[in-house]
Amino acid sequence: MEATGRDRRLRRLWGSVSGRTVLMPIDQPVTMGPIAGLDAIDAQLTRLLAGAPNAIIGHRGVLRRVPAEAARSTSVVMHLSAGTALSGRGHVKKLTGDVVEAVQLGADAVSVQVTFGVPEETDMLHDLAQVAAGCSRWGMPLLAMVYVAGIDPAEAPEKIAHGARAAAELGSDIVKVPYTGSADSFATVVAGCFAPVVMAGGEPSDSWEDVLLDVKDALSAGAAGVCIGRKVQQHSAPDEALADLHALVHANNLG
């Protein structure tokens, strides 16, 4: 069977041998401002891209600054929704772009965030469905970033599983969720979602070793990879942090 445009783009996001992915979001400054690790963006992009994540995820303005030569080793995902902490409700997202613009930008995929458990949940689900329809027309893969407001994921993994399944049902090709605290609980999230699930990084951590333990457990539970931003960007050596993630995700170094 001949590969479609969606198939070809989606293939670029995965390691050719492992079938897993190391994604790195760089979209956080829209929500949080010029945070450490992404404040001097041009210099920091060069350093982060040297670690060769499978893809970076960002808004149009930053993606236009990605050096063309980086495309040899790192794919580009255009993030299509935003909200800022200045509003006091930065977890509420509205669409800020569309699939056509992502095609024009040369993106390999698009992403949208949905925050469940807030009054605007249905608006964000509507936006996700609209983007999914555009992705179908243009052969563009879709990543959904799934969060549930007001909960500790470790205490309510069934709610994370619900959000992940909803995102897959509406047409997402990959679903990003926070880690639920244990391999057993994360396995229930993965089992209930027919789209590949990747583990979100979350808040920066004092212990990189603990991050790697969580990644190891998530992979053992069936995660298709990771989507980690600040914990890498604010690491003292981001290229080394990415090398650690590659070793776990792609070399299957779980022993």
Protein backbone atom coordinates (compact mmCIF):
# COMPACT_ATOMS: atom_id res chain seq x y z
CA MET A 1 0.00 0.00 0.00
CA GLU A 2 1.31 3.44 -0.94
CA ALA A 3 2.13 5.69 2.02
CA THR A 4 -0.02 8.78 2.43
CA GLY A 5 1.24 12.24 3.31
CA ARG A 6 0.07 11.68 6.89
CA ASP A 7 2.00 8.40 7.03
CA ARG A 8 5.17 10.04 5.75
CA ARG A 9 4.95 12.95 8.20
CA LEU A 10 4.08 10.72 11.14
CA ARG A 11 7.03 8.46 10.38
CA ARG A 12 9.40 11.40 10.82
CA LEU A 13 8.37 11.76 14.46
CA TRP A 14 9.46 8.27 15.49
CA GLY A 15 12.83 6.64 15.90
CA SER A 16 13.34 4.35 12.91
CA VAL A 17 14.52 1.43 15.07
CA SER A 18 12.76 1.93 18.42
CA GLY A 19 9.44 3.15 17.05
CA ARG A 20 9.39 5.62 19.96
CA THR A 21 9.90 9.35 20.18
CA VAL A 22 11.61 12.08 22.19
CA LEU A 23 9.55 15.25 21.75
CA MET A 24 10.51 18.62 23.21
CA PRO A 25 7.94 21.40 23.63
CA ILE A 26 9.26 24.94 23.38
CA ASP A 27 5.84 26.63 23.45
CA GLN A 28 5.87 27.48 27.17
CA PRO A 29 6.83 31.19 26.92
CA VAL A 30 3.42 32.08 25.46
CA THR A 31 1.87 30.88 28.71
CA MET A 32 4.66 31.68 31.18
CA GLY A 33 6.76 34.41 29.60
CA PRO A 34 10.51 34.23 28.82
CA ILE A 35 11.35 31.45 31.29
CA ALA A 36 14.85 30.21 32.03
CA GLY A 37 16.10 27.95 29.27
CA LEU A 38 14.02 29.66 26.59
CA ASP A 39 14.65 33.35 27.26
CA ALA A 40 17.56 33.91 24.87
CA ILE A 41 15.82 31.77 22.29
CA ASP A 42 18.22 31.89 19.33
CA ALA A 43 21.26 30.74 21.30
CA GLN A 44 19.25 28.26 23.31
CA LEU A 45 17.60 26.77 20.23
CA THR A 46 21.04 25.99 18.82
CA ARG A 47 22.00 24.24 22.05
CA LEU A 48 18.74 22.31 22.36
CA LEU A 49 18.72 21.20 18.73
CA ALA A 50 22.25 19.88 19.14
CA GLY A 51 20.68 17.20 21.32
CA ALA A 52 18.58 16.08 18.32
CA PRO A 53 15.13 15.54 19.81
CA ASN A 54 12.88 13.74 17.35
CA ALA A 55 10.73 16.87 17.18
CA ILE A 56 10.27 20.26 18.76
CA ILE A 57 6.81 21.72 19.42
CA GLY A 58 6.37 25.46 19.21
CA HIS A 59 4.34 28.41 18.03
CA ARG A 60 4.84 29.94 14.60
CA GLY A 61 7.12 32.78 15.70
CA VAL A 62 9.75 30.53 17.23
CA LEU A 63 9.50 27.85 14.56
CA ARG A 64 10.37 30.45 11.93
CA ARG A 65 13.67 30.89 13.79
CA VAL A 66 14.63 27.21 13.63
CA PRO A 67 17.70 26.85 11.37
CA ALA A 68 16.90 25.02 8.16
CA GLU A 69 19.75 22.56 8.70
CA ALA A 70 18.05 21.34 11.90
CA ALA A 71 15.43 19.66 9.74
CA ARG A 72 17.91 16.89 9.00
CA SER A 73 17.64 15.53 12.54
CA THR A 74 14.63 17.19 14.18
CA SER A 75 11.04 17.45 12.98
CA VAL A 76 8.78 20.43 13.65
CA VAL A 77 5.34 20.40 15.27
CA MET A 78 3.33 23.64 15.14
CA HIS A 79 1.31 24.28 18.29
CA LEU A 80 -2.10 25.72 17.42
CA SER A 81 -3.57 26.78 20.77
CA ALA A 82 -2.60 29.25 23.47
CA GLY A 83 -3.52 31.03 26.68
CA THR A 84 -1.40 33.08 29.08
CA ALA A 85 -0.86 33.06 32.83
CA LEU A 86 -1.53 36.82 32.73
CA SER A 87 -5.22 35.98 32.53
CA GLY A 88 -5.02 33.90 35.68
CA ARG A 89 -6.35 30.97 33.62
CA GLY A 90 -3.46 30.02 31.37
CA HIS A 91 -4.73 26.45 31.15
CA VAL A 92 -7.70 27.64 29.05
CA LYS A 93 -6.62 27.53 25.41
CA LYS A 94 -7.98 29.02 22.18
CA LEU A 95 -6.89 28.28 18.64
CA THR A 96 -4.17 30.60 17.34
CA GLY A 97 -3.40 28.91 14.02
CA ASP A 98 -4.64 26.31 11.57
CA VAL A 99 -3.47 23.30 9.62
CA VAL A 100 -3.06 25.21 6.36
CA GLU A 101 -0.55 27.57 7.96
CA ALA A 102 1.28 24.57 9.42
CA VAL A 103 1.54 23.08 5.93
CA GLN A 104 2.90 26.39 4.61
CA LEU A 105 5.42 26.48 7.45
CA GLY A 106 6.63 23.00 6.54
CA ALA A 107 5.52 21.40 9.81
CA ASP A 108 5.53 17.64 10.20
CA ALA A 109 2.58 17.70 12.63
CA VAL A 110 0.37 20.03 14.65
CA SER A 111 -0.60 20.04 18.32
CA VAL A 112 -3.49 21.32 20.42
CA GLN A 113 -3.95 21.40 24.20
CA VAL A 114 -7.17 20.34 25.89
CA THR A 115 -7.65 20.98 29.60
CA PHE A 116 -10.43 18.80 31.00
CA GLY A 117 -12.47 19.64 34.05
CA VAL A 118 -12.98 23.37 33.38
CA PRO A 119 -16.08 25.17 32.03
CA GLU A 120 -14.31 25.77 28.71
CA GLU A 121 -13.63 22.06 28.21
CA THR A 122 -16.24 21.71 25.47
CA ASP A 123 -14.80 24.70 23.60
CA MET A 124 -11.36 23.09 23.62
CA LEU A 125 -12.82 19.74 22.52
CA HIS A 126 -14.57 21.55 19.66
CA ASP A 127 -11.26 23.15 18.67
CA LEU A 128 -9.52 19.76 18.78
CA ALA A 129 -12.18 18.23 16.55
CA GLN A 130 -11.95 21.11 14.07
CA VAL A 131 -8.19 20.75 13.85
CA ALA A 132 -8.55 16.97 13.47
CA ALA A 133 -10.86 17.55 10.50
CA GLY A 134 -8.29 19.86 8.93
CA CYS A 135 -5.57 17.30 9.57
CA SER A 136 -7.63 14.69 7.70
CA ARG A 137 -7.96 17.01 4.70
CA TRP A 138 -4.27 17.88 4.58
CA GLY A 139 -2.64 14.62 5.68
CA MET A 140 -1.24 16.20 8.83
CA PRO A 141 -0.63 14.24 12.07
CA LEU A 142 -2.20 15.60 15.26
CA LEU A 143 -0.76 15.58 18.78
CA ALA A 144 -3.16 16.30 21.66
CA MET A 145 -1.75 17.64 24.92
CA VAL A 146 -4.14 16.36 27.59
CA TYR A 147 -4.41 17.74 31.13
CA VAL A 148 -7.08 17.55 33.81
CA ALA A 149 -7.44 20.66 35.98
CA GLY A 150 -7.43 20.53 39.74
CA ILE A 151 -6.13 17.01 40.27
CA ASP A 152 -2.93 15.19 41.14
CA PRO A 153 -2.54 12.69 38.26
CA ALA A 154 -1.16 10.12 40.69
CA GLU A 155 -4.38 10.28 42.71
CA ALA A 156 -6.79 10.19 39.76
CA PRO A 157 -5.24 8.17 36.93
CA GLU A 158 -8.72 7.21 35.74
CA LYS A 159 -9.36 10.86 34.86
CA ILE A 160 -6.12 11.04 32.87
CA ALA A 161 -7.20 7.83 31.10
CA HIS A 162 -10.58 9.40 30.30
CA GLY A 163 -8.98 12.52 28.82
CA ALA A 164 -6.51 10.47 26.77
CA ARG A 165 -9.27 8.30 25.32
CA ALA A 166 -11.42 11.33 24.49
CA ALA A 167 -8.51 12.88 22.59
CA ALA A 168 -7.96 9.68 20.61
CA GLU A 169 -11.70 9.37 19.89
CA LEU A 170 -11.69 12.85 18.34
CA GLY A 171 -8.88 11.98 15.95
CA SER A 172 -5.54 12.55 17.68
CA ASP A 173 -2.62 10.51 16.36
CA ILE A 174 -0.50 10.94 19.51
CA VAL A 175 -1.67 11.83 23.02
CA LYS A 176 0.54 13.51 25.62
CA VAL A 177 -0.44 13.05 29.27
CA PRO A 178 1.19 13.65 32.65
CA TYR A 179 2.74 10.69 34.40
CA THR A 180 0.34 9.09 36.87
CA GLY A 181 2.88 8.13 39.50
CA SER A 182 3.39 4.41 38.87
CA ALA A 183 3.93 1.99 36.01
CA ASP A 184 0.75 0.11 36.90
CA SER A 185 -1.50 3.18 36.80
CA PHE A 186 0.15 4.50 33.65
CA ALA A 187 -0.39 1.13 31.99
CA THR A 188 -4.15 1.62 32.44
CA VAL A 189 -3.90 4.97 30.65
CA VAL A 190 -1.99 3.41 27.76
CA ALA A 191 -4.32 0.41 27.56
CA GLY A 192 -7.39 2.61 27.38
CA CYS A 193 -6.08 4.85 24.60
CA PHE A 194 -5.75 3.40 21.11
CA ALA A 195 -3.46 6.27 20.02
CA PRO A 196 0.20 6.17 21.11
CA VAL A 197 0.68 7.82 24.52
CA VAL A 198 3.73 9.91 25.42
CA MET A 199 4.67 11.04 28.91
CA ALA A 200 4.69 14.76 29.68
CA GLY A 201 7.55 16.27 31.65
CA GLY A 202 5.66 18.59 33.98
CA GLU A 203 7.24 20.95 36.47
CA PRO A 204 11.04 21.22 36.70
CA SER A 205 12.55 18.72 39.13
CA ASP A 206 15.51 18.94 41.47
CA SER A 207 16.37 15.33 40.69
CA TRP A 208 17.11 14.36 37.10
CA GLU A 209 17.55 10.78 38.31
CA ASP A 210 13.92 10.77 39.47
CA VAL A 211 12.84 12.02 36.04
CA LEU A 212 14.68 9.16 34.37
CA LEU A 213 13.10 6.65 36.75
CA ASP A 214 9.65 7.97 35.82
CA VAL A 215 10.52 7.73 32.13
CA LYS A 216 11.76 4.18 32.59
CA ASP A 217 8.53 3.19 34.36
CA ALA A 218 6.35 4.90 31.75
CA LEU A 219 8.14 3.06 28.95
CA SER A 220 7.76 -0.25 30.76
CA ALA A 221 4.02 0.54 30.97
CA GLY A 222 3.82 0.93 27.19
CA ALA A 223 4.48 4.63 26.63
CA ALA A 224 5.49 5.47 23.06
CA GLY A 225 8.02 8.03 24.27
CA VAL A 226 8.29 11.31 26.13
CA CYS A 227 7.40 14.95 25.62
CA ILE A 228 9.64 16.83 28.04
CA GLY A 229 10.44 20.55 27.95
CA ARG A 230 11.47 22.52 31.02
CA LYS A 231 13.16 19.58 32.75
CA VAL A 232 15.54 19.44 29.80
CA GLN A 233 15.75 23.16 29.03
CA GLN A 234 16.53 24.06 32.65
CA HIS A 235 18.96 21.18 33.12
CA SER A 236 22.56 22.30 33.61
CA ALA A 237 23.49 20.37 30.46
CA PRO A 238 20.44 20.06 28.15
CA ASP A 239 22.37 18.10 25.51
CA GLU A 240 23.35 15.51 28.12
CA ALA A 241 19.76 15.36 29.38
CA LEU A 242 18.54 14.66 25.86
CA ALA A 243 21.21 12.00 25.45
CA ASP A 244 19.88 10.32 28.60
CA LEU A 245 16.35 10.36 27.18
CA HIS A 246 17.52 8.96 23.85
CA ALA A 247 19.32 6.15 25.68
CA LEU A 248 16.12 5.15 27.48
CA VAL A 249 13.58 5.77 24.74
CA HIS A 250 15.48 4.58 21.67
CA ALA A 251 18.08 2.17 22.95
CA ASN A 252 15.43 0.45 25.12
CA ASN A 253 17.91 0.73 27.98
CA LEU A 254 15.47 -0.28 30.70
CA GLY A 255 17.73 -2.57 32.66
